[in-house]
Amino acid sequence: MSEPLKTTNHEVIRAWIEAREGRPAIARNAGKGAVLRVDFGEHENDLEPVEWEEFFTIFDDNELAFWHQDITSEGLPSRFNKFVERG
């Protein structure tokens, strides 16, 4: 299993998401704006697809980093990801 990695590199983030057949999305939080998410095609009613440009605008405006894992303990591509503060 690989240790989680943290990045702000748009190309790395997009490549990781697309390699796992994910798409950029947001979840609307009442009163708190949009929360970035990755849509892997699982049934989640609150997800709204967005274009990469909007996704990364929200990402940068909120000074976020992408925390992710590449490989599971079984040696398979991991989908573990989280958006965290850059600091």
C-alpha atoms as a PDB file:
ATOM      1  CA  MET A   1       0.000   0.000   0.000  1.00  0.00           C
ATOM      2  CA  SER A   2       1.345   3.405  -0.870  1.00  0.00           C
ATOM      3  CA  GLU A   3       1.286   6.301   1.554  1.00  0.00           C
ATOM      4  CA  PRO A   4      -1.122   9.147   0.730  1.00  0.00           C
ATOM      5  CA  LEU A   5       0.409  11.963  -1.312  1.00  0.00           C
ATOM      6  CA  LYS A   6      -0.476  15.651  -1.282  1.00  0.00           C
ATOM      7  CA  THR A   7      -0.334  17.843  -4.397  1.00  0.00           C
ATOM      8  CA  THR A   8      -1.613  21.097  -5.867  1.00  0.00           C
ATOM      9  CA  ASN A   9      -0.457  20.248  -9.418  1.00  0.00           C
ATOM     10  CA  HIS A  10      -3.477  20.393 -11.735  1.00  0.00           C
ATOM     11  CA  GLU A  11      -1.975  17.951 -14.259  1.00  0.00           C
ATOM     12  CA  VAL A  12      -1.224  15.350 -11.570  1.00  0.00           C
ATOM     13  CA  ILE A  13      -4.719  15.690 -10.094  1.00  0.00           C
ATOM     14  CA  ARG A  14      -6.471  15.409 -13.445  1.00  0.00           C
ATOM     15  CA  ALA A  15      -4.354  12.408 -14.510  1.00  0.00           C
ATOM     16  CA  TRP A  16      -5.038  10.608 -11.202  1.00  0.00           C
ATOM     17  CA  ILE A  17      -8.803  11.189 -11.448  1.00  0.00           C
ATOM     18  CA  GLU A  18      -9.073  10.242 -15.127  1.00  0.00           C
ATOM     19  CA  ALA A  19      -6.929   7.101 -14.650  1.00  0.00           C
ATOM     20  CA  ARG A  20      -9.627   5.892 -12.235  1.00  0.00           C
ATOM     21  CA  GLU A  21     -12.460   6.841 -14.610  1.00  0.00           C
ATOM     22  CA  GLY A  22     -13.506   9.720 -12.372  1.00  0.00           C
ATOM     23  CA  ARG A  23     -14.920  13.095 -13.327  1.00  0.00           C
ATOM     24  CA  PRO A  24     -14.764  16.503 -11.648  1.00  0.00           C
ATOM     25  CA  ALA A  25     -17.845  17.330  -9.601  1.00  0.00           C
ATOM     26  CA  ILE A  26     -19.148  19.533  -6.824  1.00  0.00           C
ATOM     27  CA  ALA A  27     -21.575  18.932  -4.003  1.00  0.00           C
ATOM     28  CA  ARG A  28     -23.675  21.932  -3.097  1.00  0.00           C
ATOM     29  CA  ASN A  29     -23.688  22.554   0.645  1.00  0.00           C
ATOM     30  CA  ALA A  30     -26.560  24.686   1.869  1.00  0.00           C
ATOM     31  CA  GLY A  31     -25.090  28.016   2.887  1.00  0.00           C
ATOM     32  CA  LYS A  32     -21.478  26.925   2.378  1.00  0.00           C
ATOM     33  CA  GLY A  33     -21.078  27.050  -1.399  1.00  0.00           C
ATOM     34  CA  ALA A  34     -19.651  24.216  -3.464  1.00  0.00           C
ATOM     35  CA  VAL A  35     -17.513  21.383  -2.147  1.00  0.00           C
ATOM     36  CA  LEU A  36     -15.170  19.651  -4.597  1.00  0.00           C
ATOM     37  CA  ARG A  37     -15.696  15.952  -5.144  1.00  0.00           C
ATOM     38  CA  VAL A  38     -14.642  13.241  -7.580  1.00  0.00           C
ATOM     39  CA  ASP A  39     -17.523  11.434  -9.283  1.00  0.00           C
ATOM     40  CA  PHE A  40     -16.675   7.778  -9.903  1.00  0.00           C
ATOM     41  CA  GLY A  41     -20.131   7.045 -11.297  1.00  0.00           C
ATOM     42  CA  GLU A  42     -21.596   5.753  -8.062  1.00  0.00           C
ATOM     43  CA  HIS A  43     -25.104   6.887  -7.191  1.00  0.00           C
ATOM     44  CA  GLU A  44     -24.818  10.153  -5.260  1.00  0.00           C
ATOM     45  CA  ASN A  45     -27.716  12.554  -5.740  1.00  0.00           C
ATOM     46  CA  ASP A  46     -25.901  15.628  -4.480  1.00  0.00           C
ATOM     47  CA  LEU A  47     -23.099  15.565  -7.085  1.00  0.00           C
ATOM     48  CA  GLU A  48     -23.140  18.017  -9.961  1.00  0.00           C
ATOM     49  CA  PRO A  49     -20.645  17.567 -12.832  1.00  0.00           C
ATOM     50  CA  VAL A  50     -18.412  20.544 -13.649  1.00  0.00           C
ATOM     51  CA  GLU A  51     -15.787  21.286 -16.271  1.00  0.00           C
ATOM     52  CA  TRP A  52     -12.132  21.017 -15.314  1.00  0.00           C
ATOM     53  CA  GLU A  53     -11.671  24.809 -15.549  1.00  0.00           C
ATOM     54  CA  GLU A  54     -14.382  25.487 -12.948  1.00  0.00           C
ATOM     55  CA  PHE A  55     -13.123  22.616 -10.794  1.00  0.00           C
ATOM     56  CA  PHE A  56      -9.598  24.049 -10.640  1.00  0.00           C
ATOM     57  CA  THR A  57     -10.855  27.624 -10.139  1.00  0.00           C
ATOM     58  CA  ILE A  58     -12.701  26.465  -6.998  1.00  0.00           C
ATOM     59  CA  PHE A  59      -9.637  24.414  -5.996  1.00  0.00           C
ATOM     60  CA  ASP A  60      -7.259  27.393  -6.259  1.00  0.00           C
ATOM     61  CA  ASP A  61      -9.668  30.029  -4.898  1.00  0.00           C
ATOM     62  CA  ASN A  62     -10.094  27.950  -1.739  1.00  0.00           C
ATOM     63  CA  GLU A  63      -6.352  27.209  -1.486  1.00  0.00           C
ATOM     64  CA  LEU A  64      -6.884  23.459  -1.430  1.00  0.00           C
ATOM     65  CA  ALA A  65      -4.531  20.529  -1.916  1.00  0.00           C
ATOM     66  CA  PHE A  66      -5.404  17.056  -3.213  1.00  0.00           C
ATOM     67  CA  TRP A  67      -4.545  14.233  -0.838  1.00  0.00           C
ATOM     68  CA  HIS A  68      -4.609  10.854  -2.572  1.00  0.00           C
ATOM     69  CA  GLN A  69      -3.308   7.312  -2.520  1.00  0.00           C
ATOM     70  CA  ASP A  70      -1.986   5.605  -5.650  1.00  0.00           C
ATOM     71  CA  ILE A  71      -2.084   1.892  -4.729  1.00  0.00           C
ATOM     72  CA  THR A  72      -4.154  -0.121  -2.230  1.00  0.00           C
ATOM     73  CA  SER A  73      -2.683  -2.765   0.075  1.00  0.00           C
ATOM     74  CA  GLU A  74      -3.846  -5.329  -2.531  1.00  0.00           C
ATOM     75  CA  GLY A  75      -1.746  -3.615  -5.207  1.00  0.00           C
ATOM     76  CA  LEU A  76      -4.731  -2.158  -7.067  1.00  0.00           C
ATOM     77  CA  PRO A  77      -5.284   1.481  -8.065  1.00  0.00           C
ATOM     78  CA  SER A  78      -6.724   3.303  -5.057  1.00  0.00           C
ATOM     79  CA  ARG A  79      -9.623   5.751  -5.225  1.00  0.00           C
ATOM     80  CA  PHE A  80      -8.832   7.240  -1.820  1.00  0.00           C
ATOM     81  CA  ASN A  81      -8.822  11.028  -2.122  1.00  0.00           C
ATOM     82  CA  LYS A  82      -9.620  14.076  -0.080  1.00  0.00           C
ATOM     83  CA  PHE A  83      -9.465  17.829  -0.586  1.00  0.00           C
ATOM     84  CA  VAL A  84      -7.590  19.487   2.270  1.00  0.00           C
ATOM     85  CA  GLU A  85      -6.176  22.903   3.163  1.00  0.00           C
ATOM     86  CA  ARG A  86      -2.802  23.618   1.582  1.00  0.00           C
ATOM     87  CA  GLY A  87      -1.228  24.672   4.868  1.00  0.00           C
END
